Amino acid sequence: MTVRFNMDDVAEMLQVPLERVRMALEELNEQGKLTAETFPYAEKAWRIAPIDIKRIQNLLREKGLDTPEAQIPTEKPKRRIVKIVKKSAPGTGGGDAPAER
């Protein structure tokens, strides 16, 4: 079984608008350059094989419709964990209750 992607997935991977992916697919289909694993699905949707994603990317680059590589974020991501609270098990001497002897 071959993995296939939606046009939305491909647009997100290539960081281009969905309409550019659709245009590239239609043009490559007209030229007969898509593999049999990529096919139209439903109305105006496609299932795209991984091998054809590179063809889409190359066509967009040739036409100057690709975008530059994603920039590395300048800000550090916010920490998700603010504080970790560790409690000792009861009777181990580290809790609120006095340890039994």
PDB file of N, CA and C in Angstrom:
ATOM      1  N   MET A   1       0.842  -1.179   0.000  1.00  0.00           N
ATOM      2  CA  MET A   1       0.000   0.000   0.000  1.00  0.00           C
ATOM      3  C   MET A   1       0.888   1.242   0.000  1.00  0.00           C
ATOM      4  N   THR A   2       0.588   2.184  -0.850  1.00  0.00           N
ATOM      5  CA  THR A   2       1.358   3.405  -0.985  1.00  0.00           C
ATOM      6  C   THR A   2       0.729   4.508  -0.145  1.00  0.00           C
ATOM      7  N   VAL A   3       1.551   5.258   0.555  1.00  0.00           N
ATOM      8  CA  VAL A   3       1.070   6.409   1.311  1.00  0.00           C
ATOM      9  C   VAL A   3       0.785   7.524   0.322  1.00  0.00           C
ATOM     10  N   ARG A   4      -0.337   8.189   0.516  1.00  0.00           N
ATOM     11  CA  ARG A   4      -0.685   9.325  -0.337  1.00  0.00           C
ATOM     12  C   ARG A   4      -1.024  10.512   0.553  1.00  0.00           C
ATOM     13  N   PHE A   5      -0.811  11.697   0.026  1.00  0.00           N
ATOM     14  CA  PHE A   5      -1.058  12.920   0.778  1.00  0.00           C
ATOM     15  C   PHE A   5      -2.189  13.710   0.150  1.00  0.00           C
ATOM     16  N   ASN A   6      -2.873  14.496   0.962  1.00  0.00           N
ATOM     17  CA  ASN A   6      -3.870  15.446   0.466  1.00  0.00           C
ATOM     18  C   ASN A   6      -3.145  16.682  -0.047  1.00  0.00           C
ATOM     19  N   MET A   7      -3.854  17.487  -0.823  1.00  0.00           N
ATOM     20  CA  MET A   7      -3.251  18.722  -1.313  1.00  0.00           C
ATOM     21  C   MET A   7      -2.907  19.658  -0.159  1.00  0.00           C
ATOM     22  N   ASP A   8      -3.737  19.669   0.890  1.00  0.00           N
ATOM     23  CA  ASP A   8      -3.442  20.507   2.054  1.00  0.00           C
ATOM     24  C   ASP A   8      -2.117  20.123   2.687  1.00  0.00           C
ATOM     25  N   ASP A   9      -1.884  18.818   2.801  1.00  0.00           N
ATOM     26  CA  ASP A   9      -0.631  18.332   3.394  1.00  0.00           C
ATOM     27  C   ASP A   9       0.575  18.763   2.568  1.00  0.00           C
ATOM     28  N   VAL A  10       0.458  18.638   1.260  1.00  0.00           N
ATOM     29  CA  VAL A  10       1.559  19.001   0.364  1.00  0.00           C
ATOM     30  C   VAL A  10       1.814  20.506   0.420  1.00  0.00           C
ATOM     31  N   ALA A  11       0.746  21.300   0.430  1.00  0.00           N
ATOM     32  CA  ALA A  11       0.902  22.754   0.514  1.00  0.00           C
ATOM     33  C   ALA A  11       1.611  23.139   1.807  1.00  0.00           C
ATOM     34  N   GLU A  12       1.264  22.464   2.896  1.00  0.00           N
ATOM     35  CA  GLU A  12       1.910  22.753   4.174  1.00  0.00           C
ATOM     36  C   GLU A  12       3.377  22.326   4.159  1.00  0.00           C
ATOM     37  N   MET A  13       3.665  21.148   3.590  1.00  0.00           N
ATOM     38  CA  MET A  13       5.047  20.669   3.529  1.00  0.00           C
ATOM     39  C   MET A  13       5.933  21.596   2.702  1.00  0.00           C
ATOM     40  N   LEU A  14       5.389  22.059   1.571  1.00  0.00           N
ATOM     41  CA  LEU A  14       6.166  22.907   0.670  1.00  0.00           C
ATOM     42  C   LEU A  14       6.084  24.384   1.037  1.00  0.00           C
ATOM     43  N   GLN A  15       5.227  24.713   1.990  1.00  0.00           N
ATOM     44  CA  GLN A  15       5.023  26.080   2.452  1.00  0.00           C
ATOM     45  C   GLN A  15       4.610  27.003   1.312  1.00  0.00           C
ATOM     46  N   VAL A  16       3.621  26.553   0.548  1.00  0.00           N
ATOM     47  CA  VAL A  16       3.058  27.345  -0.543  1.00  0.00           C
ATOM     48  C   VAL A  16       1.537  27.318  -0.422  1.00  0.00           C
ATOM     49  N   PRO A  17       0.851  28.289  -1.032  1.00  0.00           N
ATOM     50  CA  PRO A  17      -0.610  28.263  -1.003  1.00  0.00           C
ATOM     51  C   PRO A  17      -1.171  27.039  -1.731  1.00  0.00           C
ATOM     52  N   LEU A  18      -2.333  26.613  -1.300  1.00  0.00           N
ATOM     53  CA  LEU A  18      -2.992  25.438  -1.867  1.00  0.00           C
ATOM     54  C   LEU A  18      -3.226  25.585  -3.367  1.00  0.00           C
ATOM     55  N   GLU A  19      -3.576  26.768  -3.814  1.00  0.00           N
ATOM     56  CA  GLU A  19      -3.852  26.980  -5.240  1.00  0.00           C
ATOM     57  C   GLU A  19      -2.630  26.725  -6.113  1.00  0.00           C
ATOM     58  N   ARG A  20      -1.450  26.993  -5.590  1.00  0.00           N
ATOM     59  CA  ARG A  20      -0.226  26.718  -6.369  1.00  0.00           C
ATOM     60  C   ARG A  20      -0.020  25.215  -6.527  1.00  0.00           C
ATOM     61  N   VAL A  21      -0.336  24.458  -5.482  1.00  0.00           N
ATOM     62  CA  VAL A  21      -0.219  22.995  -5.571  1.00  0.00           C
ATOM     63  C   VAL A  21      -1.222  22.468  -6.583  1.00  0.00           C
ATOM     64  N   ARG A  22      -2.441  22.981  -6.535  1.00  0.00           N
ATOM     65  CA  ARG A  22      -3.481  22.557  -7.491  1.00  0.00           C
ATOM     66  C   ARG A  22      -3.053  22.864  -8.923  1.00  0.00           C
ATOM     67  N   MET A  23      -2.507  24.069  -9.146  1.00  0.00           N
ATOM     68  CA  MET A  23      -2.055  24.460 -10.482  1.00  0.00           C
ATOM     69  C   MET A  23      -0.946  23.526 -10.966  1.00  0.00           C
ATOM     70  N   ALA A  24       0.007  23.217 -10.083  1.00  0.00           N
ATOM     71  CA  ALA A  24       1.112  22.341 -10.458  1.00  0.00           C
ATOM     72  C   ALA A  24       0.604  20.932 -10.780  1.00  0.00           C
ATOM     73  N   LEU A  25      -0.316  20.431  -9.979  1.00  0.00           N
ATOM     74  CA  LEU A  25      -0.874  19.100 -10.240  1.00  0.00           C
ATOM     75  C   LEU A  25      -1.581  19.044 -11.587  1.00  0.00           C
ATOM     76  N   GLU A  26      -2.388  20.051 -11.856  1.00  0.00           N
ATOM     77  CA  GLU A  26      -3.118  20.069 -13.127  1.00  0.00           C
ATOM     78  C   GLU A  26      -2.168  20.161 -14.314  1.00  0.00           C
ATOM     79  N   GLU A  27      -1.130  20.976 -14.186  1.00  0.00           N
ATOM     80  CA  GLU A  27      -0.161  21.113 -15.277  1.00  0.00           C
ATOM     81  C   GLU A  27       0.629  19.822 -15.485  1.00  0.00           C
ATOM     82  N   LEU A  28       1.103  19.221 -14.396  1.00  0.00           N
ATOM     83  CA  LEU A  28       1.840  17.962 -14.513  1.00  0.00           C
ATOM     84  C   LEU A  28       0.958  16.842 -15.059  1.00  0.00           C
ATOM     85  N   ASN A  29      -0.314  16.857 -14.686  1.00  0.00           N
ATOM     86  CA  ASN A  29      -1.247  15.852 -15.201  1.00  0.00           C
ATOM     87  C   ASN A  29      -1.442  16.016 -16.703  1.00  0.00           C
ATOM     88  N   GLU A  30      -1.581  17.259 -17.156  1.00  0.00           N
ATOM     89  CA  GLU A  30      -1.739  17.525 -18.587  1.00  0.00           C
ATOM     90  C   GLU A  30      -0.501  17.081 -19.370  1.00  0.00           C
ATOM     91  N   GLN A  31       0.667  17.241 -18.771  1.00  0.00           N
ATOM     92  CA  GLN A  31       1.916  16.844 -19.417  1.00  0.00           C
ATOM     93  C   GLN A  31       2.176  15.346 -19.304  1.00  0.00           C
ATOM     94  N   GLY A  32       1.368  14.638 -18.512  1.00  0.00           N
ATOM     95  CA  GLY A  32       1.559  13.198 -18.323  1.00  0.00           C
ATOM     96  C   GLY A  32       2.773  12.856 -17.473  1.00  0.00           C
ATOM     97  N   LYS A  33       3.146  13.747 -16.554  1.00  0.00           N
ATOM     98  CA  LYS A  33       4.351  13.542 -15.749  1.00  0.00           C
ATOM     99  C   LYS A  33       4.068  13.013 -14.341  1.00  0.00           C
ATOM    100  N   LEU A  34       2.813  12.742 -14.014  1.00  0.00           N
ATOM    101  CA  LEU A  34       2.484  12.195 -12.699  1.00  0.00           C
ATOM    102  C   LEU A  34       2.466  10.674 -12.773  1.00  0.00           C
ATOM    103  N   THR A  35       2.839  10.038 -11.681  1.00  0.00           N
ATOM    104  CA  THR A  35       2.787   8.577 -11.625  1.00  0.00           C
ATOM    105  C   THR A  35       1.338   8.126 -11.461  1.00  0.00           C
ATOM    106  N   ALA A  36       1.115   6.838 -11.642  1.00  0.00           N
ATOM    107  CA  ALA A  36      -0.235   6.287 -11.498  1.00  0.00           C
ATOM    108  C   ALA A  36      -0.701   6.315 -10.045  1.00  0.00           C
ATOM    109  N   GLU A  37       0.228   6.469  -9.097  1.00  0.00           N
ATOM    110  CA  GLU A  37      -0.145   6.509  -7.678  1.00  0.00           C
ATOM    111  C   GLU A  37      -0.770   7.834  -7.275  1.00  0.00           C
ATOM    112  N   THR A  38      -0.639   8.854  -8.106  1.00  0.00           N
ATOM    113  CA  THR A  38      -1.276  10.147  -7.861  1.00  0.00           C
ATOM    114  C   THR A  38      -2.495  10.233  -8.763  1.00  0.00           C
ATOM    115  N   PHE A  39      -3.643  10.532  -8.174  1.00  0.00           N
ATOM    116  CA  PHE A  39      -4.871  10.534  -8.966  1.00  0.00           C
ATOM    117  C   PHE A  39      -5.864  11.536  -8.402  1.00  0.00           C
ATOM    118  N   PRO A  40      -6.782  12.023  -9.281  1.00  0.00           N
ATOM    119  CA  PRO A  40      -7.840  12.923  -8.808  1.00  0.00           C
ATOM    120  C   PRO A  40      -8.777  12.149  -7.885  1.00  0.00           C
ATOM    121  N   TYR A  41      -9.268  12.812  -6.861  1.00  0.00           N
ATOM    122  CA  TYR A  41     -10.151  12.176  -5.902  1.00  0.00           C
ATOM    123  C   TYR A  41     -11.277  13.147  -5.582  1.00  0.00           C
ATOM    124  N   ALA A  42     -12.501  12.680  -5.708  1.00  0.00           N
ATOM    125  CA  ALA A  42     -13.675  13.511  -5.474  1.00  0.00           C
ATOM    126  C   ALA A  42     -13.627  14.719  -6.412  1.00  0.00           C
ATOM    127  N   GLU A  43     -14.278  15.787  -6.021  1.00  0.00           N
ATOM    128  CA  GLU A  43     -14.308  16.961  -6.882  1.00  0.00           C
ATOM    129  C   GLU A  43     -13.193  17.924  -6.504  1.00  0.00           C
ATOM    130  N   LYS A  44     -12.267  18.141  -7.410  1.00  0.00           N
ATOM    131  CA  LYS A  44     -11.143  19.071  -7.240  1.00  0.00           C
ATOM    132  C   LYS A  44     -10.192  18.692  -6.113  1.00  0.00           C
ATOM    133  N   ALA A  45     -10.114  17.444  -5.773  1.00  0.00           N
ATOM    134  CA  ALA A  45      -9.162  16.995  -4.753  1.00  0.00           C
ATOM    135  C   ALA A  45      -8.230  15.973  -5.394  1.00  0.00           C
ATOM    136  N   TRP A  46      -7.092  15.758  -4.786  1.00  0.00           N
ATOM    137  CA  TRP A  46      -6.108  14.815  -5.300  1.00  0.00           C
ATOM    138  C   TRP A  46      -5.565  13.985  -4.154  1.00  0.00           C
ATOM    139  N   ARG A  47      -5.118  12.797  -4.475  1.00  0.00           N
ATOM    140  CA  ARG A  47      -4.323  11.972  -3.571  1.00  0.00           C
ATOM    141  C   ARG A  47      -2.952  11.904  -4.225  1.00  0.00           C
ATOM    142  N   ILE A  48      -1.928  12.373  -3.515  1.00  0.00           N
ATOM    143  CA  ILE A  48      -0.613  12.592  -4.119  1.00  0.00           C
ATOM    144  C   ILE A  48       0.405  11.619  -3.542  1.00  0.00           C
ATOM    145  N   ALA A  49       1.096  10.909  -4.428  1.00  0.00           N
ATOM    146  CA  ALA A  49       2.140   9.965  -4.024  1.00  0.00           C
ATOM    147  C   ALA A  49       3.398  10.742  -3.648  1.00  0.00           C
ATOM    148  N   PRO A  50       4.178  10.209  -2.698  1.00  0.00           N
ATOM    149  CA  PRO A  50       5.399  10.908  -2.277  1.00  0.00           C
ATOM    150  C   PRO A  50       6.358  11.212  -3.428  1.00  0.00           C
ATOM    151  N   ILE A  51       6.449  10.317  -4.396  1.00  0.00           N
ATOM    152  CA  ILE A  51       7.380  10.526  -5.511  1.00  0.00           C
ATOM    153  C   ILE A  51       6.994  11.749  -6.350  1.00  0.00           C
ATOM    154  N   ASP A  52       5.709  12.072  -6.390  1.00  0.00           N
ATOM    155  CA  ASP A  52       5.266  13.216  -7.190  1.00  0.00           C
ATOM    156  C   ASP A  52       5.397  14.544  -6.460  1.00  0.00           C
ATOM    157  N   ILE A  53       5.605  14.520  -5.163  1.00  0.00           N
ATOM    158  CA  ILE A  53       5.781  15.766  -4.421  1.00  0.00           C
ATOM    159  C   ILE A  53       7.030  16.493  -4.912  1.00  0.00           C
ATOM    160  N   LYS A  54       8.080  15.747  -5.191  1.00  0.00           N
ATOM    161  CA  LYS A  54       9.312  16.360  -5.709  1.00  0.00           C
ATOM    162  C   LYS A  54       9.052  16.986  -7.084  1.00  0.00           C
ATOM    163  N   ARG A  55       8.241  16.346  -7.899  1.00  0.00           N
ATOM    164  CA  ARG A  55       7.905  16.915  -9.216  1.00  0.00           C
ATOM    165  C   ARG A  55       7.140  18.226  -9.058  1.00  0.00           C
ATOM    166  N   ILE A  56       6.218  18.268  -8.097  1.00  0.00           N
ATOM    167  CA  ILE A  56       5.467  19.491  -7.832  1.00  0.00           C
ATOM    168  C   ILE A  56       6.410  20.591  -7.372  1.00  0.00           C
ATOM    169  N   GLN A  57       7.300  20.247  -6.462  1.00  0.00           N
ATOM    170  CA  GLN A  57       8.263  21.217  -5.938  1.00  0.00           C
ATOM    171  C   GLN A  57       9.154  21.754  -7.062  1.00  0.00           C
ATOM    172  N   ASN A  58       9.626  20.882  -7.934  1.00  0.00           N
ATOM    173  CA  ASN A  58      10.485  21.319  -9.046  1.00  0.00           C
ATOM    174  C   ASN A  58       9.743  22.237 -10.002  1.00  0.00           C
ATOM    175  N   LEU A  59       8.487  21.915 -10.314  1.00  0.00           N
ATOM    176  CA  LEU A  59       7.709  22.757 -11.225  1.00  0.00           C
ATOM    177  C   LEU A  59       7.485  24.140 -10.611  1.00  0.00           C
ATOM    178  N   LEU A  60       7.150  24.175  -9.317  1.00  0.00           N
ATOM    179  CA  LEU A  60       6.950  25.465  -8.654  1.00  0.00           C
ATOM    180  C   LEU A  60       8.246  26.275  -8.644  1.00  0.00           C
ATOM    181  N   ARG A  61       9.369  25.605  -8.452  1.00  0.00           N
ATOM    182  CA  ARG A  61      10.665  26.300  -8.453  1.00  0.00           C
ATOM    183  C   ARG A  61      10.970  26.854  -9.843  1.00  0.00           C
ATOM    184  N   GLU A  62      10.699  26.062 -10.893  1.00  0.00           N
ATOM    185  CA  GLU A  62      10.955  26.515 -12.264  1.00  0.00           C
ATOM    186  C   GLU A  62      10.136  27.754 -12.605  1.00  0.00           C
ATOM    187  N   LYS A  63       8.912  27.820 -12.102  1.00  0.00           N
ATOM    188  CA  LYS A  63       8.025  28.943 -12.387  1.00  0.00           C
ATOM    189  C   LYS A  63       8.228  30.105 -11.425  1.00  0.00           C
ATOM    190  N   GLY A  64       9.117  29.925 -10.431  1.00  0.00           N
ATOM    191  CA  GLY A  64       9.357  30.981  -9.458  1.00  0.00           C
ATOM    192  C   GLY A  64       8.220  31.149  -8.466  1.00  0.00           C
ATOM    193  N   LEU A  65       7.443  30.101  -8.258  1.00  0.00           N
ATOM    194  CA  LEU A  65       6.299  30.178  -7.354  1.00  0.00           C
ATOM    195  C   LEU A  65       6.558  29.531  -6.005  1.00  0.00           C
ATOM    196  N   ASP A  66       7.781  29.085  -5.786  1.00  0.00           N
ATOM    197  CA  ASP A  66       8.087  28.479  -4.489  1.00  0.00           C
ATOM    198  C   ASP A  66       8.470  29.574  -3.501  1.00  0.00           C
ATOM    199  N   THR A  67       8.464  29.245  -2.245  1.00  0.00           N
ATOM    200  CA  THR A  67       8.846  30.208  -1.218  1.00  0.00           C
ATOM    201  C   THR A  67      10.179  29.786  -0.629  1.00  0.00           C
ATOM    202  N   PRO A  68      10.931  30.714  -0.066  1.00  0.00           N
ATOM    203  CA  PRO A  68      12.206  30.329   0.539  1.00  0.00           C
ATOM    204  C   PRO A  68      11.992  29.395   1.721  1.00  0.00           C
ATOM    205  N   GLU A  69      13.056  28.749   2.109  1.00  0.00           N
ATOM    206  CA  GLU A  69      12.998  27.825   3.245  1.00  0.00           C
ATOM    207  C   GLU A  69      12.490  28.565   4.479  1.00  0.00           C
ATOM    208  N   ALA A  70      11.849  27.816   5.352  1.00  0.00           N
ATOM    209  CA  ALA A  70      11.321  28.409   6.585  1.00  0.00           C
ATOM    210  C   ALA A  70      12.460  28.990   7.409  1.00  0.00           C
ATOM    211  N   GLN A  71      12.221  30.143   7.953  1.00  0.00           N
ATOM    212  CA  GLN A  71      13.223  30.793   8.790  1.00  0.00           C
ATOM    213  C   GLN A  71      13.265  30.124  10.165  1.00  0.00           C
ATOM    214  N   ILE A  72      14.441  30.052  10.735  1.00  0.00           N
ATOM    215  CA  ILE A  72      14.587  29.511  12.083  1.00  0.00           C
ATOM    216  C   ILE A  72      14.031  30.540  13.052  1.00  0.00           C
ATOM    217  N   PRO A  73      13.128  30.128  13.948  1.00  0.00           N
ATOM    218  CA  PRO A  73      12.559  31.105  14.872  1.00  0.00           C
ATOM    219  C   PRO A  73      13.646  31.751  15.742  1.00  0.00           C
ATOM    220  N   THR A  74      13.529  33.062  15.955  1.00  0.00           N
ATOM    221  CA  THR A  74      14.507  33.770  16.758  1.00  0.00           C
ATOM    222  C   THR A  74      14.174  33.689  18.243  1.00  0.00           C
ATOM    223  N   GLU A  75      12.909  33.458  18.560  1.00  0.00           N
ATOM    224  CA  GLU A  75      12.501  33.357  19.955  1.00  0.00           C
ATOM    225  C   GLU A  75      12.582  31.910  20.413  1.00  0.00           C
ATOM    226  N   LYS A  76      12.927  31.763  21.677  1.00  0.00           N
ATOM    227  CA  LYS A  76      12.901  30.431  22.250  1.00  0.00           C
ATOM    228  C   LYS A  76      11.452  30.062  22.527  1.00  0.00           C
ATOM    229  N   PRO A  77      11.079  28.803  22.311  1.00  0.00           N
ATOM    230  CA  PRO A  77       9.702  28.421  22.626  1.00  0.00           C
ATOM    231  C   PRO A  77       9.456  28.503  24.127  1.00  0.00           C
ATOM    232  N   LYS A  78       8.217  28.830  24.488  1.00  0.00           N
ATOM    233  CA  LYS A  78       7.876  28.927  25.898  1.00  0.00           C
ATOM    234  C   LYS A  78       7.914  27.556  26.535  1.00  0.00           C
ATOM    235  N   ARG A  79       8.356  27.537  27.788  1.00  0.00           N
ATOM    236  CA  ARG A  79       8.385  26.277  28.521  1.00  0.00           C
ATOM    237  C   ARG A  79       6.966  25.868  28.845  1.00  0.00           C
ATOM    238  N   ARG A  80       6.696  24.605  28.646  1.00  0.00           N
ATOM    239  CA  ARG A  80       5.358  24.106  28.935  1.00  0.00           C
ATOM    240  C   ARG A  80       5.226  23.695  30.387  1.00  0.00           C
ATOM    241  N   ILE A  81       6.317  23.245  30.994  1.00  0.00           N
ATOM    242  CA  ILE A  81       6.287  22.840  32.389  1.00  0.00           C
ATOM    243  C   ILE A  81       6.821  24.006  33.213  1.00  0.00           C
ATOM    244  N   VAL A  82       5.991  24.526  34.088  1.00  0.00           N
ATOM    245  CA  VAL A  82       6.397  25.673  34.880  1.00  0.00           C
ATOM    246  C   VAL A  82       7.137  25.226  36.126  1.00  0.00           C
ATOM    247  N   LYS A  83       6.574  24.256  36.853  1.00  0.00           N
ATOM    248  CA  LYS A  83       7.195  23.811  38.087  1.00  0.00           C
ATOM    249  C   LYS A  83       6.787  22.368  38.350  1.00  0.00           C
ATOM    250  N   ILE A  84       7.729  21.567  38.761  1.00  0.00           N
ATOM    251  CA  ILE A  84       7.444  20.178  39.111  1.00  0.00           C
ATOM    252  C   ILE A  84       7.473  20.073  40.629  1.00  0.00           C
ATOM    253  N   VAL A  85       6.394  19.537  41.207  1.00  0.00           N
ATOM    254  CA  VAL A  85       6.312  19.358  42.647  1.00  0.00           C
ATOM    255  C   VAL A  85       6.420  17.873  42.934  1.00  0.00           C
ATOM    256  N   LYS A  86       7.402  17.516  43.737  1.00  0.00           N
ATOM    257  CA  LYS A  86       7.582  16.112  44.093  1.00  0.00           C
ATOM    258  C   LYS A  86       7.185  15.932  45.547  1.00  0.00           C
ATOM    259  N   LYS A  87       6.380  14.920  45.810  1.00  0.00           N
ATOM    260  CA  LYS A  87       5.971  14.608  47.174  1.00  0.00           C
ATOM    261  C   LYS A  87       6.519  13.243  47.536  1.00  0.00           C
ATOM    262  N   SER A  88       6.955  13.130  48.778  1.00  0.00           N
ATOM    263  CA  SER A  88       7.440  11.837  49.258  1.00  0.00           C
ATOM    264  C   SER A  88       6.259  10.956  49.622  1.00  0.00           C
ATOM    265  N   ALA A  89       6.465   9.683  49.527  1.00  0.00           N
ATOM    266  CA  ALA A  89       5.423   8.737  49.916  1.00  0.00           C
ATOM    267  C   ALA A  89       5.236   8.810  51.428  1.00  0.00           C
ATOM    268  N   PRO A  90       3.995   8.610  51.911  1.00  0.00           N
ATOM    269  CA  PRO A  90       3.760   8.661  53.351  1.00  0.00           C
ATOM    270  C   PRO A  90       4.616   7.630  54.085  1.00  0.00           C
ATOM    271  N   GLY A  91       5.144   8.031  55.251  1.00  0.00           N
ATOM    272  CA  GLY A  91       5.920   7.132  56.087  1.00  0.00           C
ATOM    273  C   GLY A  91       7.374   6.996  55.690  1.00  0.00           C
ATOM    274  N   THR A  92       7.847   7.785  54.727  1.00  0.00           N
ATOM    275  CA  THR A  92       9.255   7.683  54.328  1.00  0.00           C
ATOM    276  C   THR A  92      10.108   8.750  54.980  1.00  0.00           C
ATOM    277  N   GLY A  93       9.491   9.590  55.797  1.00  0.00           N
ATOM    278  CA  GLY A  93      10.260  10.598  56.510  1.00  0.00           C
ATOM    279  C   GLY A  93      10.380  11.908  55.759  1.00  0.00           C
ATOM    280  N   GLY A  94       9.914  11.983  54.535  1.00  0.00           N
ATOM    281  CA  GLY A  94      10.054  13.220  53.782  1.00  0.00           C
ATOM    282  C   GLY A  94       8.735  13.964  53.638  1.00  0.00           C
ATOM    283  N   GLY A  95       7.655  13.394  54.152  1.00  0.00           N
ATOM    284  CA  GLY A  95       6.344  14.018  53.989  1.00  0.00           C
ATOM    285  C   GLY A  95       5.997  14.915  55.152  1.00  0.00           C
ATOM    286  N   ASP A  96       4.726  15.301  55.223  1.00  0.00           N
ATOM    287  CA  ASP A  96       4.264  16.186  56.280  1.00  0.00           C
ATOM    288  C   ASP A  96       4.128  15.459  57.625  1.00  0.00           C
ATOM    289  N   ALA A  97       3.770  14.188  57.569  1.00  0.00           N
ATOM    290  CA  ALA A  97       3.576  13.433  58.789  1.00  0.00           C
ATOM    291  C   ALA A  97       4.930  12.949  59.315  1.00  0.00           C
ATOM    292  N   PRO A  98       5.064  12.886  60.651  1.00  0.00           N
ATOM    293  CA  PRO A  98       6.328  12.405  61.194  1.00  0.00           C
ATOM    294  C   PRO A  98       6.513  10.914  60.878  1.00  0.00           C
ATOM    295  N   ALA A  99       7.736  10.537  60.641  1.00  0.00           N
ATOM    296  CA  ALA A  99       8.029   9.131  60.326  1.00  0.00           C
ATOM    297  C   ALA A  99       7.853   8.269  61.557  1.00  0.00           C
ATOM    298  N   GLU A 100       7.281   7.098  61.411  1.00  0.00           N
ATOM    299  CA  GLU A 100       7.104   6.180  62.529  1.00  0.00           C
ATOM    300  C   GLU A 100       8.388   5.404  62.742  1.00  0.00           C
ATOM    301  N   ARG A 101       8.635   5.056  64.050  1.00  0.00           N
ATOM    302  CA  ARG A 101       9.846   4.293  64.376  1.00  0.00           C
ATOM    303  C   ARG A 101       9.511   2.928  64.806  1.00  0.00           C
TER     304      ARG A 101
END
